[in-house]
Amino acid sequence: MEKLDKIFEKIHASYFGFIGIAIFLVGAIPAMLVHNSFSLLTTFISELSVPGWNDLAIFFSVCWFITGLFMILFILGFTRYLQEKGASTKGTWIACILGVVSAIGILMLALFNTRDFDALHDIAQYVFFFPGILYLFSYAYLEYKLSEFPLWQALINIIVAFFFILYLVLFIVNKVEETLLVEAKVLAEWLFLFSNLFWFVETGAFILKK
């Protein structure tokens, strides 16, 4: 951690989150624009990374992968920040591990597209979502216990976790019956994506001003 501490002493953890989100948007927005018949109700995020389905698939995948790396750095920096504010060392490391595992899920999603690596893509989703829900609840509890964090800040974690859970429920339902609630599942995926991006930006902005 000494090397990481030196990095975070020079560069605030928030900037890793901001840069990661910016890189994702640089890859995602053009990919959405060139995607044939793109819609928030019919186009899954992962479809943007499939060569042949999207002209910028590789570019989007590379940006998505890099975003995952920056998210790991942000999570590590956020862990350091919480510990400096007096949060439980054990609790922060548990949340950190869950956050890093979830970010590894992002790396896997970027590497394994849904057409060519369907089984691995599904595994990547579970790696991303389940730890993602747990780290959000963990951070909500840690922030609630710290006077530095107002109640609304802790509640943001719960709200974002709700969108994760909503998508997971629809994902499982759709696995049981592939024709059921397809559009709802697609929309829920985009909602959890936007809420997750918001979490990194909002949390980063909050700890930056503190």
N, C-alpha and C. Protein backbone atom coordinates (compact mmCIF):
# COMPACT_ATOMS: atom_id res chain seq x y z
N MET A 1 0.82 -1.22 0.00
CA MET A 1 0.00 0.00 0.00
C MET A 1 0.85 1.27 0.00
N GLU A 2 2.15 1.15 0.36
CA GLU A 2 2.99 2.35 0.42
C GLU A 2 3.08 3.05 -0.93
N LYS A 3 3.25 2.26 -2.00
CA LYS A 3 3.33 2.84 -3.33
C LYS A 3 2.01 3.52 -3.71
N LEU A 4 0.89 2.86 -3.33
CA LEU A 4 -0.42 3.44 -3.62
C LEU A 4 -0.62 4.72 -2.82
N ASP A 5 -0.16 4.72 -1.56
CA ASP A 5 -0.29 5.91 -0.73
C ASP A 5 0.43 7.10 -1.37
N LYS A 6 1.61 6.83 -1.93
CA LYS A 6 2.37 7.89 -2.59
C LYS A 6 1.62 8.44 -3.80
N ILE A 7 0.96 7.50 -4.52
CA ILE A 7 0.17 7.92 -5.69
C ILE A 7 -0.99 8.81 -5.26
N PHE A 8 -1.71 8.37 -4.21
CA PHE A 8 -2.89 9.13 -3.77
C PHE A 8 -2.52 10.42 -3.05
N GLU A 9 -1.29 10.52 -2.59
CA GLU A 9 -0.82 11.78 -2.01
C GLU A 9 -0.61 12.83 -3.10
N LYS A 10 -0.29 12.36 -4.30
CA LYS A 10 -0.07 13.26 -5.43
C LYS A 10 -1.34 13.48 -6.25
N ILE A 11 -2.13 12.41 -6.37
CA ILE A 11 -3.36 12.49 -7.18
C ILE A 11 -4.54 12.06 -6.31
N HIS A 12 -5.50 12.93 -6.12
CA HIS A 12 -6.67 12.60 -5.31
C HIS A 12 -7.44 11.45 -5.95
N ALA A 13 -7.93 10.54 -5.11
CA ALA A 13 -8.65 9.36 -5.59
C ALA A 13 -9.81 9.72 -6.51
N SER A 14 -10.44 10.86 -6.24
CA SER A 14 -11.60 11.27 -7.04
C SER A 14 -11.28 11.35 -8.53
N TYR A 15 -10.08 11.81 -8.84
CA TYR A 15 -9.73 12.02 -10.24
C TYR A 15 -9.68 10.71 -11.02
N PHE A 16 -9.35 9.63 -10.33
CA PHE A 16 -9.35 8.33 -11.01
C PHE A 16 -10.78 7.95 -11.40
N GLY A 17 -11.73 8.27 -10.51
CA GLY A 17 -13.14 8.01 -10.84
C GLY A 17 -13.61 8.89 -11.98
N PHE A 18 -13.27 10.18 -11.93
CA PHE A 18 -13.69 11.11 -12.98
C PHE A 18 -13.10 10.71 -14.34
N ILE A 19 -11.82 10.38 -14.34
CA ILE A 19 -11.16 10.00 -15.61
C ILE A 19 -11.74 8.70 -16.15
N GLY A 20 -12.00 7.75 -15.25
CA GLY A 20 -12.58 6.48 -15.68
C GLY A 20 -13.93 6.66 -16.34
N ILE A 21 -14.78 7.50 -15.73
CA ILE A 21 -16.11 7.77 -16.30
C ILE A 21 -15.98 8.49 -17.63
N ALA A 22 -15.06 9.44 -17.71
CA ALA A 22 -14.85 10.18 -18.97
C ALA A 22 -14.42 9.24 -20.09
N ILE A 23 -13.53 8.32 -19.77
CA ILE A 23 -13.06 7.35 -20.77
C ILE A 23 -14.21 6.46 -21.22
N PHE A 24 -15.05 6.04 -20.28
CA PHE A 24 -16.19 5.20 -20.64
C PHE A 24 -17.11 5.95 -21.60
N LEU A 25 -17.40 7.21 -21.29
CA LEU A 25 -18.30 8.00 -22.14
C LEU A 25 -17.70 8.26 -23.51
N VAL A 26 -16.39 8.46 -23.56
CA VAL A 26 -15.70 8.65 -24.84
C VAL A 26 -15.88 7.42 -25.72
N GLY A 27 -15.90 6.25 -25.11
CA GLY A 27 -16.11 5.02 -25.87
C GLY A 27 -17.56 4.73 -26.15
N ALA A 28 -18.42 5.00 -25.16
CA ALA A 28 -19.82 4.60 -25.27
C ALA A 28 -20.66 5.49 -26.18
N ILE A 29 -20.50 6.81 -26.07
CA ILE A 29 -21.35 7.71 -26.84
C ILE A 29 -21.19 7.52 -28.35
N PRO A 30 -19.96 7.49 -28.89
CA PRO A 30 -19.83 7.23 -30.33
C PRO A 30 -20.37 5.85 -30.73
N ALA A 31 -20.16 4.87 -29.84
CA ALA A 31 -20.66 3.52 -30.14
C ALA A 31 -22.18 3.51 -30.20
N MET A 32 -22.83 4.27 -29.34
CA MET A 32 -24.29 4.38 -29.39
C MET A 32 -24.74 5.05 -30.69
N LEU A 33 -24.01 6.09 -31.08
CA LEU A 33 -24.41 6.86 -32.26
C LEU A 33 -24.30 6.06 -33.56
N VAL A 34 -23.30 5.17 -33.64
CA VAL A 34 -23.12 4.40 -34.88
C VAL A 34 -23.87 3.07 -34.85
N HIS A 35 -24.41 2.72 -33.70
CA HIS A 35 -25.09 1.42 -33.58
C HIS A 35 -26.41 1.44 -34.35
N ASN A 36 -26.65 0.42 -35.13
CA ASN A 36 -27.86 0.34 -35.93
C ASN A 36 -29.10 0.22 -35.05
N SER A 37 -30.04 1.14 -35.20
CA SER A 37 -31.31 1.13 -34.47
C SER A 37 -31.10 1.12 -32.95
N PHE A 38 -30.17 1.93 -32.48
CA PHE A 38 -29.91 1.97 -31.04
C PHE A 38 -31.13 2.48 -30.29
N SER A 39 -31.44 1.78 -29.17
CA SER A 39 -32.56 2.19 -28.32
C SER A 39 -32.28 1.72 -26.90
N LEU A 40 -32.68 2.53 -25.93
CA LEU A 40 -32.53 2.16 -24.52
C LEU A 40 -33.48 1.03 -24.12
N LEU A 41 -34.42 0.69 -25.02
CA LEU A 41 -35.38 -0.37 -24.74
C LEU A 41 -35.04 -1.68 -25.45
N THR A 42 -34.16 -1.61 -26.43
CA THR A 42 -33.87 -2.83 -27.20
C THR A 42 -32.39 -3.17 -27.33
N THR A 43 -31.51 -2.24 -27.00
CA THR A 43 -30.08 -2.46 -27.18
C THR A 43 -29.38 -2.62 -25.83
N PHE A 44 -28.83 -3.80 -25.58
CA PHE A 44 -28.08 -4.02 -24.36
C PHE A 44 -26.72 -3.33 -24.45
N ILE A 45 -26.18 -2.92 -23.33
CA ILE A 45 -24.87 -2.28 -23.29
C ILE A 45 -23.82 -3.17 -23.96
N SER A 46 -23.88 -4.46 -23.66
CA SER A 46 -22.88 -5.40 -24.17
C SER A 46 -22.90 -5.54 -25.69
N GLU A 47 -24.03 -5.20 -26.32
CA GLU A 47 -24.12 -5.29 -27.78
C GLU A 47 -23.20 -4.26 -28.45
N LEU A 48 -22.87 -3.20 -27.74
CA LEU A 48 -21.98 -2.20 -28.30
C LEU A 48 -20.56 -2.72 -28.45
N SER A 49 -20.25 -3.84 -27.77
CA SER A 49 -18.89 -4.37 -27.80
C SER A 49 -18.73 -5.58 -28.72
N VAL A 50 -19.75 -5.88 -29.52
CA VAL A 50 -19.70 -7.05 -30.39
C VAL A 50 -19.26 -6.64 -31.81
N PRO A 51 -18.08 -7.10 -32.24
CA PRO A 51 -17.63 -6.80 -33.62
C PRO A 51 -18.65 -7.31 -34.63
N GLY A 52 -18.97 -6.48 -35.59
CA GLY A 52 -19.97 -6.86 -36.59
C GLY A 52 -21.34 -6.30 -36.25
N TRP A 53 -21.61 -6.16 -34.98
CA TRP A 53 -22.86 -5.55 -34.55
C TRP A 53 -22.68 -4.04 -34.37
N ASN A 54 -21.44 -3.64 -34.09
CA ASN A 54 -21.14 -2.23 -33.89
C ASN A 54 -19.78 -1.92 -34.50
N ASP A 55 -19.72 -0.87 -35.30
CA ASP A 55 -18.47 -0.52 -35.99
C ASP A 55 -17.36 -0.07 -35.03
N LEU A 56 -17.75 0.36 -33.84
CA LEU A 56 -16.77 0.83 -32.86
C LEU A 56 -16.65 -0.13 -31.67
N ALA A 57 -16.96 -1.40 -31.92
CA ALA A 57 -17.00 -2.39 -30.85
C ALA A 57 -15.66 -2.51 -30.11
N ILE A 58 -14.58 -2.61 -30.86
CA ILE A 58 -13.26 -2.78 -30.22
C ILE A 58 -12.89 -1.52 -29.44
N PHE A 59 -13.14 -0.36 -30.04
CA PHE A 59 -12.85 0.91 -29.38
C PHE A 59 -13.63 1.01 -28.07
N PHE A 60 -14.92 0.66 -28.11
CA PHE A 60 -15.74 0.70 -26.91
C PHE A 60 -15.22 -0.28 -25.85
N SER A 61 -14.86 -1.49 -26.27
CA SER A 61 -14.37 -2.50 -25.35
C SER A 61 -13.08 -2.06 -24.65
N VAL A 62 -12.19 -1.44 -25.42
CA VAL A 62 -10.93 -0.95 -24.85
C VAL A 62 -11.22 0.14 -23.81
N CYS A 63 -12.11 1.06 -24.14
CA CYS A 63 -12.47 2.12 -23.20
C CYS A 63 -13.14 1.54 -21.95
N TRP A 64 -13.98 0.56 -22.16
CA TRP A 64 -14.68 -0.11 -21.05
C TRP A 64 -13.66 -0.78 -20.12
N PHE A 65 -12.68 -1.44 -20.70
CA PHE A 65 -11.64 -2.12 -19.92
C PHE A 65 -10.82 -1.11 -19.11
N ILE A 66 -10.42 -0.05 -19.76
CA ILE A 66 -9.62 0.99 -19.08
C ILE A 66 -10.43 1.60 -17.94
N THR A 67 -11.73 1.79 -18.17
CA THR A 67 -12.61 2.30 -17.12
C THR A 67 -12.55 1.41 -15.89
N GLY A 68 -12.59 0.09 -16.10
CA GLY A 68 -12.51 -0.85 -14.99
C GLY A 68 -11.24 -0.69 -14.18
N LEU A 69 -10.13 -0.45 -14.85
CA LEU A 69 -8.85 -0.24 -14.17
C LEU A 69 -8.89 1.02 -13.31
N PHE A 70 -9.46 2.07 -13.86
CA PHE A 70 -9.56 3.32 -13.09
C PHE A 70 -10.51 3.19 -11.91
N MET A 71 -11.55 2.36 -12.07
CA MET A 71 -12.48 2.14 -10.97
C MET A 71 -11.78 1.43 -9.81
N ILE A 72 -10.90 0.50 -10.13
CA ILE A 72 -10.13 -0.18 -9.09
C ILE A 72 -9.28 0.82 -8.32
N LEU A 73 -8.64 1.72 -9.04
CA LEU A 73 -7.82 2.74 -8.38
C LEU A 73 -8.68 3.65 -7.51
N PHE A 74 -9.87 3.99 -8.00
CA PHE A 74 -10.76 4.83 -7.20
C PHE A 74 -11.19 4.12 -5.92
N ILE A 75 -11.56 2.85 -6.04
CA ILE A 75 -11.99 2.09 -4.87
C ILE A 75 -10.87 2.02 -3.83
N LEU A 76 -9.64 1.80 -4.28
CA LEU A 76 -8.50 1.75 -3.37
C LEU A 76 -8.29 3.11 -2.69
N GLY A 77 -8.42 4.16 -3.47
CA GLY A 77 -8.28 5.51 -2.91
C GLY A 77 -9.39 5.85 -1.94
N PHE A 78 -10.61 5.43 -2.26
CA PHE A 78 -11.76 5.68 -1.39
C PHE A 78 -11.59 4.93 -0.07
N THR A 79 -11.03 3.72 -0.15
CA THR A 79 -10.75 2.93 1.05
C THR A 79 -9.78 3.68 1.96
N ARG A 80 -8.74 4.20 1.37
CA ARG A 80 -7.75 4.99 2.12
C ARG A 80 -8.40 6.21 2.76
N TYR A 81 -9.27 6.88 2.01
CA TYR A 81 -9.96 8.07 2.51
C TYR A 81 -10.82 7.71 3.73
N LEU A 82 -11.61 6.63 3.63
CA LEU A 82 -12.48 6.22 4.73
C LEU A 82 -11.67 5.86 5.98
N GLN A 83 -10.55 5.18 5.77
CA GLN A 83 -9.71 4.82 6.91
C GLN A 83 -9.12 6.05 7.59
N GLU A 84 -8.75 7.04 6.80
CA GLU A 84 -8.23 8.29 7.37
C GLU A 84 -9.29 9.03 8.17
N LYS A 85 -10.55 8.84 7.80
CA LYS A 85 -11.64 9.50 8.51
C LYS A 85 -12.09 8.71 9.74
N GLY A 86 -11.48 7.55 9.96
CA GLY A 86 -11.78 6.78 11.17
C GLY A 86 -12.70 5.60 10.98
N ALA A 87 -13.00 5.24 9.75
CA ALA A 87 -13.87 4.08 9.51
C ALA A 87 -13.16 2.79 9.90
N SER A 88 -13.93 1.78 10.19
CA SER A 88 -13.39 0.48 10.57
C SER A 88 -12.44 -0.05 9.50
N THR A 89 -11.23 -0.41 9.93
CA THR A 89 -10.25 -0.94 8.97
C THR A 89 -10.76 -2.22 8.33
N LYS A 90 -11.30 -3.11 9.15
CA LYS A 90 -11.84 -4.37 8.64
C LYS A 90 -12.99 -4.13 7.68
N GLY A 91 -13.89 -3.24 8.07
CA GLY A 91 -15.06 -2.95 7.24
C GLY A 91 -14.68 -2.33 5.91
N THR A 92 -13.71 -1.42 5.95
CA THR A 92 -13.30 -0.76 4.70
C THR A 92 -12.61 -1.73 3.76
N TRP A 93 -11.83 -2.66 4.32
CA TRP A 93 -11.16 -3.63 3.45
C TRP A 93 -12.15 -4.63 2.86
N ILE A 94 -13.18 -4.98 3.62
CA ILE A 94 -14.22 -5.86 3.07
C ILE A 94 -14.91 -5.18 1.90
N ALA A 95 -15.29 -3.91 2.11
CA ALA A 95 -15.94 -3.14 1.04
C ALA A 95 -15.00 -2.97 -0.15
N CYS A 96 -13.72 -2.75 0.15
CA CYS A 96 -12.73 -2.58 -0.92
C CYS A 96 -12.61 -3.84 -1.77
N ILE A 97 -12.51 -4.99 -1.11
CA ILE A 97 -12.38 -6.26 -1.84
C ILE A 97 -13.60 -6.49 -2.72
N LEU A 98 -14.79 -6.23 -2.17
CA LEU A 98 -16.02 -6.38 -2.95
C LEU A 98 -16.03 -5.43 -4.14
N GLY A 99 -15.57 -4.20 -3.91
CA GLY A 99 -15.53 -3.22 -4.99
C GLY A 99 -14.54 -3.60 -6.08
N VAL A 100 -13.38 -4.10 -5.68
CA VAL A 100 -12.37 -4.51 -6.66
C VAL A 100 -12.86 -5.71 -7.46
N VAL A 101 -13.49 -6.67 -6.78
CA VAL A 101 -14.03 -7.84 -7.48
C VAL A 101 -15.09 -7.41 -8.49
N SER A 102 -15.95 -6.48 -8.09
CA SER A 102 -16.97 -5.96 -9.00
C SER A 102 -16.33 -5.29 -10.20
N ALA A 103 -15.25 -4.54 -9.96
CA ALA A 103 -14.54 -3.87 -11.06
C ALA A 103 -13.87 -4.89 -11.98
N ILE A 104 -13.41 -6.01 -11.40
CA ILE A 104 -12.86 -7.08 -12.23
C ILE A 104 -13.95 -7.63 -13.16
N GLY A 105 -15.20 -7.62 -12.65
CA GLY A 105 -16.32 -8.00 -13.50
C GLY A 105 -16.45 -7.09 -14.70
N ILE A 106 -16.16 -5.79 -14.52
CA ILE A 106 -16.18 -4.84 -15.64
C ILE A 106 -15.12 -5.23 -16.67
N LEU A 107 -13.93 -5.58 -16.18
CA LEU A 107 -12.85 -5.99 -17.08
C LEU A 107 -13.27 -7.22 -17.88
N MET A 108 -13.93 -8.16 -17.21
CA MET A 108 -14.38 -9.38 -17.88
C MET A 108 -15.46 -9.08 -18.91
N LEU A 109 -16.37 -8.18 -18.57
CA LEU A 109 -17.44 -7.81 -19.52
C LEU A 109 -16.85 -7.18 -20.77
N ALA A 110 -15.79 -6.40 -20.58
CA ALA A 110 -15.14 -5.76 -21.73
C ALA A 110 -14.42 -6.78 -22.60
N LEU A 111 -13.90 -7.83 -21.98
CA LEU A 111 -13.14 -8.85 -22.72
C LEU A 111 -14.03 -9.88 -23.41
N PHE A 112 -15.16 -10.22 -22.77
CA PHE A 112 -16.00 -11.32 -23.26
C PHE A 112 -17.35 -10.78 -23.71
N ASN A 113 -17.49 -10.58 -25.01
CA ASN A 113 -18.77 -10.04 -25.51
C ASN A 113 -19.85 -11.12 -25.49
N THR A 114 -21.08 -10.66 -25.53
CA THR A 114 -22.23 -11.55 -25.34
C THR A 114 -22.47 -12.52 -26.49
N ARG A 115 -21.96 -12.22 -27.69
CA ARG A 115 -22.18 -13.11 -28.83
C ARG A 115 -21.16 -14.26 -28.88
N ASP A 116 -19.89 -13.92 -28.74
CA ASP A 116 -18.83 -14.91 -28.90
C ASP A 116 -18.48 -15.66 -27.62
N PHE A 117 -18.81 -15.07 -26.47
CA PHE A 117 -18.44 -15.67 -25.18
C PHE A 117 -19.64 -15.59 -24.23
N ASP A 118 -20.75 -16.14 -24.65
CA ASP A 118 -22.00 -15.97 -23.92
C ASP A 118 -21.91 -16.44 -22.47
N ALA A 119 -21.36 -17.64 -22.25
CA ALA A 119 -21.27 -18.20 -20.89
C ALA A 119 -20.34 -17.35 -20.02
N LEU A 120 -19.18 -16.97 -20.56
CA LEU A 120 -18.24 -16.15 -19.80
C LEU A 120 -18.80 -14.76 -19.54
N HIS A 121 -19.58 -14.26 -20.49
CA HIS A 121 -20.21 -12.95 -20.31
C HIS A 121 -21.21 -12.99 -19.16
N ASP A 122 -21.97 -14.08 -19.07
CA ASP A 122 -22.92 -14.22 -17.96
C ASP A 122 -22.19 -14.30 -16.63
N ILE A 123 -21.09 -15.06 -16.59
CA ILE A 123 -20.29 -15.16 -15.36
C ILE A 123 -19.78 -13.77 -14.96
N ALA A 124 -19.32 -13.02 -15.96
CA ALA A 124 -18.81 -11.67 -15.71
C ALA A 124 -19.89 -10.78 -15.10
N GLN A 125 -21.13 -10.96 -15.57
CA GLN A 125 -22.22 -10.16 -15.01
C GLN A 125 -22.43 -10.47 -13.53
N TYR A 126 -22.38 -11.77 -13.18
CA TYR A 126 -22.55 -12.15 -11.78
C TYR A 126 -21.39 -11.60 -10.94
N VAL A 127 -20.17 -11.67 -11.49
CA VAL A 127 -19.00 -11.15 -10.78
C VAL A 127 -19.15 -9.65 -10.53
N PHE A 128 -19.73 -8.97 -11.50
CA PHE A 128 -19.93 -7.52 -11.38
C PHE A 128 -21.07 -7.17 -10.44
N PHE A 129 -22.22 -7.83 -10.61
CA PHE A 129 -23.42 -7.41 -9.91
C PHE A 129 -23.48 -7.79 -8.43
N PHE A 130 -23.25 -9.05 -8.09
CA PHE A 130 -23.40 -9.47 -6.70
C PHE A 130 -22.44 -8.74 -5.76
N PRO A 131 -21.14 -8.70 -6.06
CA PRO A 131 -20.25 -7.90 -5.21
C PRO A 131 -20.59 -6.41 -5.26
N GLY A 132 -21.11 -5.96 -6.43
CA GLY A 132 -21.50 -4.56 -6.56
C GLY A 132 -22.59 -4.18 -5.58
N ILE A 133 -23.58 -5.03 -5.45
CA ILE A 133 -24.66 -4.77 -4.49
C ILE A 133 -24.11 -4.76 -3.07
N LEU A 134 -23.24 -5.72 -2.76
CA LEU A 134 -22.69 -5.84 -1.41
C LEU A 134 -21.78 -4.67 -1.05
N TYR A 135 -20.97 -4.20 -2.01
CA TYR A 135 -20.08 -3.08 -1.65
C TYR A 135 -20.87 -1.78 -1.47
N LEU A 136 -21.96 -1.63 -2.19
CA LEU A 136 -22.79 -0.44 -2.01
C LEU A 136 -23.44 -0.42 -0.63
N PHE A 137 -23.95 -1.57 -0.19
CA PHE A 137 -24.51 -1.66 1.15
C PHE A 137 -23.42 -1.48 2.21
N SER A 138 -22.24 -2.01 1.93
CA SER A 138 -21.12 -1.87 2.87
C SER A 138 -20.73 -0.41 3.03
N TYR A 139 -20.62 0.29 1.89
CA TYR A 139 -20.26 1.71 1.96
C TYR A 139 -21.37 2.53 2.63
N ALA A 140 -22.61 2.14 2.39
CA ALA A 140 -23.72 2.85 3.05
C ALA A 140 -23.58 2.75 4.57
N TYR A 141 -23.25 1.57 5.05
CA TYR A 141 -23.09 1.38 6.50
C TYR A 141 -21.89 2.14 7.03
N LEU A 142 -20.76 2.04 6.33
CA LEU A 142 -19.54 2.74 6.77
C LEU A 142 -19.74 4.25 6.80
N GLU A 143 -20.40 4.78 5.78
CA GLU A 143 -20.64 6.22 5.72
C GLU A 143 -21.63 6.66 6.79
N TYR A 144 -22.63 5.83 7.04
CA TYR A 144 -23.62 6.14 8.08
C TYR A 144 -22.96 6.27 9.46
N LYS A 145 -21.92 5.47 9.69
CA LYS A 145 -21.24 5.46 10.99
C LYS A 145 -20.26 6.62 11.16
N LEU A 146 -19.96 7.34 10.07
CA LEU A 146 -19.01 8.44 10.12
C LEU A 146 -19.72 9.79 10.15
N SER A 147 -19.32 10.66 11.05
CA SER A 147 -19.94 11.97 11.14
C SER A 147 -19.63 12.84 9.94
N GLU A 148 -18.56 12.48 9.22
CA GLU A 148 -18.17 13.24 8.01
C GLU A 148 -19.23 13.15 6.92
N PHE A 149 -20.01 12.07 6.95
CA PHE A 149 -20.98 11.80 5.89
C PHE A 149 -22.40 12.07 6.38
N PRO A 150 -23.15 12.93 5.68
CA PRO A 150 -24.56 13.12 6.02
C PRO A 150 -25.37 11.89 5.64
N LEU A 151 -26.56 11.78 6.20
CA LEU A 151 -27.39 10.61 5.95
C LEU A 151 -27.70 10.44 4.47
N TRP A 152 -27.95 11.56 3.77
CA TRP A 152 -28.30 11.46 2.35
C TRP A 152 -27.18 10.84 1.53
N GLN A 153 -25.93 11.07 1.95
CA GLN A 153 -24.80 10.50 1.22
C GLN A 153 -24.79 8.99 1.35
N ALA A 154 -25.06 8.50 2.55
CA ALA A 154 -25.12 7.06 2.77
C ALA A 154 -26.30 6.44 2.00
N LEU A 155 -27.42 7.17 1.93
CA LEU A 155 -28.61 6.66 1.25
C LEU A 155 -28.41 6.54 -0.26
N ILE A 156 -27.54 7.36 -0.82
CA ILE A 156 -27.27 7.27 -2.25
C ILE A 156 -26.79 5.87 -2.61
N ASN A 157 -25.98 5.27 -1.74
CA ASN A 157 -25.51 3.91 -1.98
C ASN A 157 -26.68 2.93 -2.09
N ILE A 158 -27.66 3.10 -1.20
CA ILE A 158 -28.83 2.21 -1.19
C ILE A 158 -29.64 2.37 -2.46
N ILE A 159 -29.80 3.63 -2.88
CA ILE A 159 -30.59 3.90 -4.10
C ILE A 159 -29.93 3.26 -5.32
N VAL A 160 -28.61 3.41 -5.43
CA VAL A 160 -27.89 2.80 -6.55
C VAL A 160 -27.97 1.28 -6.47
N ALA A 161 -27.86 0.74 -5.26
CA ALA A 161 -27.97 -0.71 -5.08
C ALA A 161 -29.33 -1.22 -5.55
N PHE A 162 -30.37 -0.41 -5.35
CA PHE A 162 -31.72 -0.79 -5.79
C PHE A 162 -31.75 -1.05 -7.29
N PHE A 163 -31.08 -0.19 -8.08
CA PHE A 163 -31.05 -0.37 -9.53
C PHE A 163 -30.27 -1.63 -9.91
N PHE A 164 -29.24 -1.95 -9.15
CA PHE A 164 -28.51 -3.21 -9.37
C PHE A 164 -29.44 -4.39 -9.13
N ILE A 165 -30.16 -4.35 -8.01
CA ILE A 165 -31.06 -5.45 -7.65
C ILE A 165 -32.19 -5.59 -8.67
N LEU A 166 -32.73 -4.45 -9.10
CA LEU A 166 -33.80 -4.47 -10.11
C LEU A 166 -33.35 -5.19 -11.36
N TYR A 167 -32.15 -4.86 -11.84
CA TYR A 167 -31.65 -5.52 -13.05
C TYR A 167 -31.41 -7.00 -12.80
N LEU A 168 -30.85 -7.34 -11.65
CA LEU A 168 -30.57 -8.75 -11.36
C LEU A 168 -31.85 -9.58 -11.34
N VAL A 169 -32.90 -9.03 -10.75
CA VAL A 169 -34.18 -9.74 -10.71
C VAL A 169 -34.69 -9.98 -12.13
N LEU A 170 -34.65 -8.94 -12.96
CA LEU A 170 -35.12 -9.08 -14.34
C LEU A 170 -34.20 -10.00 -15.14
N PHE A 171 -32.91 -9.97 -14.85
CA PHE A 171 -31.94 -10.84 -15.51
C PHE A 171 -32.27 -12.31 -15.22
N ILE A 172 -32.55 -12.61 -13.97
CA ILE A 172 -32.88 -13.99 -13.57
C ILE A 172 -34.21 -14.42 -14.17
N VAL A 173 -35.21 -13.51 -14.13
CA VAL A 173 -36.52 -13.81 -14.72
C VAL A 173 -36.37 -14.11 -16.20
N ASN A 174 -35.55 -13.32 -16.88
CA ASN A 174 -35.34 -13.49 -18.32
C ASN A 174 -34.59 -14.79 -18.63
N LYS A 175 -33.77 -15.24 -17.70
CA LYS A 175 -33.07 -16.51 -17.88
C LYS A 175 -34.05 -17.68 -17.81
N VAL A 176 -35.07 -17.53 -16.97
CA VAL A 176 -36.09 -18.57 -16.82
C VAL A 176 -37.00 -18.59 -18.04
N GLU A 177 -37.40 -17.40 -18.48
CA GLU A 177 -38.26 -17.26 -19.66
C GLU A 177 -37.71 -16.14 -20.52
N GLU A 178 -37.05 -16.49 -21.62
CA GLU A 178 -36.30 -15.54 -22.43
C GLU A 178 -37.15 -14.46 -23.07
N THR A 179 -38.44 -14.71 -23.25
CA THR A 179 -39.31 -13.72 -23.91
C THR A 179 -40.01 -12.80 -22.93
N LEU A 180 -39.79 -13.01 -21.65
CA LEU A 180 -40.50 -12.26 -20.63
C LEU A 180 -39.75 -11.01 -20.19
N LEU A 181 -40.42 -9.86 -20.24
CA LEU A 181 -39.88 -8.59 -19.73
C LEU A 181 -38.53 -8.21 -20.34
N VAL A 182 -38.37 -8.47 -21.63
CA VAL A 182 -37.09 -8.19 -22.29
C VAL A 182 -36.80 -6.69 -22.31
N GLU A 183 -37.77 -5.89 -22.73
CA GLU A 183 -37.56 -4.44 -22.79
C GLU A 183 -37.31 -3.85 -21.41
N ALA A 184 -38.01 -4.37 -20.41
CA ALA A 184 -37.81 -3.90 -19.04
C ALA A 184 -36.40 -4.22 -18.57
N LYS A 185 -35.90 -5.38 -18.96
CA LYS A 185 -34.55 -5.78 -18.59
C LYS A 185 -33.51 -4.86 -19.23
N VAL A 186 -33.72 -4.55 -20.51
CA VAL A 186 -32.79 -3.67 -21.23
C VAL A 186 -32.77 -2.29 -20.57
N LEU A 187 -33.95 -1.73 -20.31
CA LEU A 187 -34.03 -0.42 -19.68
C LEU A 187 -33.39 -0.43 -18.29
N ALA A 188 -33.64 -1.51 -17.54
CA ALA A 188 -33.07 -1.61 -16.20
C ALA A 188 -31.55 -1.66 -16.26
N GLU A 189 -31.01 -2.28 -17.31
CA GLU A 189 -29.55 -2.33 -17.45
C GLU A 189 -28.98 -0.93 -17.64
N TRP A 190 -29.63 -0.12 -18.48
CA TRP A 190 -29.16 1.24 -18.69
C TRP A 190 -29.35 2.10 -17.44
N LEU A 191 -30.43 1.86 -16.70
CA LEU A 191 -30.67 2.61 -15.47
C LEU A 191 -29.60 2.32 -14.42
N PHE A 192 -29.23 1.04 -14.28
CA PHE A 192 -28.20 0.73 -13.29
C PHE A 192 -26.85 1.27 -13.77
N LEU A 193 -26.62 1.27 -15.09
CA LEU A 193 -25.36 1.82 -15.60
C LEU A 193 -25.26 3.30 -15.25
N PHE A 194 -26.30 4.06 -15.57
CA PHE A 194 -26.28 5.50 -15.30
C PHE A 194 -26.18 5.78 -13.80
N SER A 195 -26.88 4.98 -13.00
CA SER A 195 -26.82 5.18 -11.54
C SER A 195 -25.43 4.84 -11.01
N ASN A 196 -24.79 3.83 -11.59
CA ASN A 196 -23.43 3.46 -11.16
C ASN A 196 -22.42 4.54 -11.55
N LEU A 197 -22.56 5.07 -12.76
CA LEU A 197 -21.70 6.17 -13.19
C LEU A 197 -21.89 7.38 -12.27
N PHE A 198 -23.15 7.64 -11.92
CA PHE A 198 -23.47 8.74 -11.02
C PHE A 198 -22.80 8.53 -9.67
N TRP A 199 -22.81 7.28 -9.17
CA TRP A 199 -22.21 6.99 -7.86
C TRP A 199 -20.73 7.36 -7.84
N PHE A 200 -20.00 6.98 -8.88
CA PHE A 200 -18.58 7.28 -8.92
C PHE A 200 -18.34 8.79 -8.99
N VAL A 201 -19.13 9.48 -9.81
CA VAL A 201 -18.96 10.93 -9.95
C VAL A 201 -19.36 11.65 -8.65
N GLU A 202 -20.53 11.30 -8.11
CA GLU A 202 -21.02 11.98 -6.91
C GLU A 202 -20.15 11.70 -5.70
N THR A 203 -19.77 10.43 -5.50
CA THR A 203 -18.91 10.07 -4.37
C THR A 203 -17.55 10.74 -4.51
N GLY A 204 -17.02 10.74 -5.74
CA GLY A 204 -15.74 11.39 -5.98
C GLY A 204 -15.80 12.88 -5.68
N ALA A 205 -16.88 13.52 -6.11
CA ALA A 205 -17.04 14.96 -5.86
C ALA A 205 -17.18 15.24 -4.37
N PHE A 206 -17.89 14.36 -3.67
CA PHE A 206 -18.10 14.56 -2.23
C PHE A 206 -16.79 14.49 -1.46
N ILE A 207 -15.98 13.45 -1.72
CA ILE A 207 -14.73 13.31 -0.96
C ILE A 207 -13.67 14.32 -1.42
N LEU A 208 -13.82 14.82 -2.63
CA LEU A 208 -12.87 15.82 -3.13
C LEU A 208 -13.02 17.13 -2.37
N LYS A 209 -14.26 17.54 -2.13
CA LYS A 209 -14.49 18.82 -1.45
C LYS A 209 -14.26 18.72 0.05
N LYS A 210 -14.16 17.46 0.55
CA LYS A 210 -13.91 17.26 1.97
C LYS A 210 -12.40 17.27 2.27
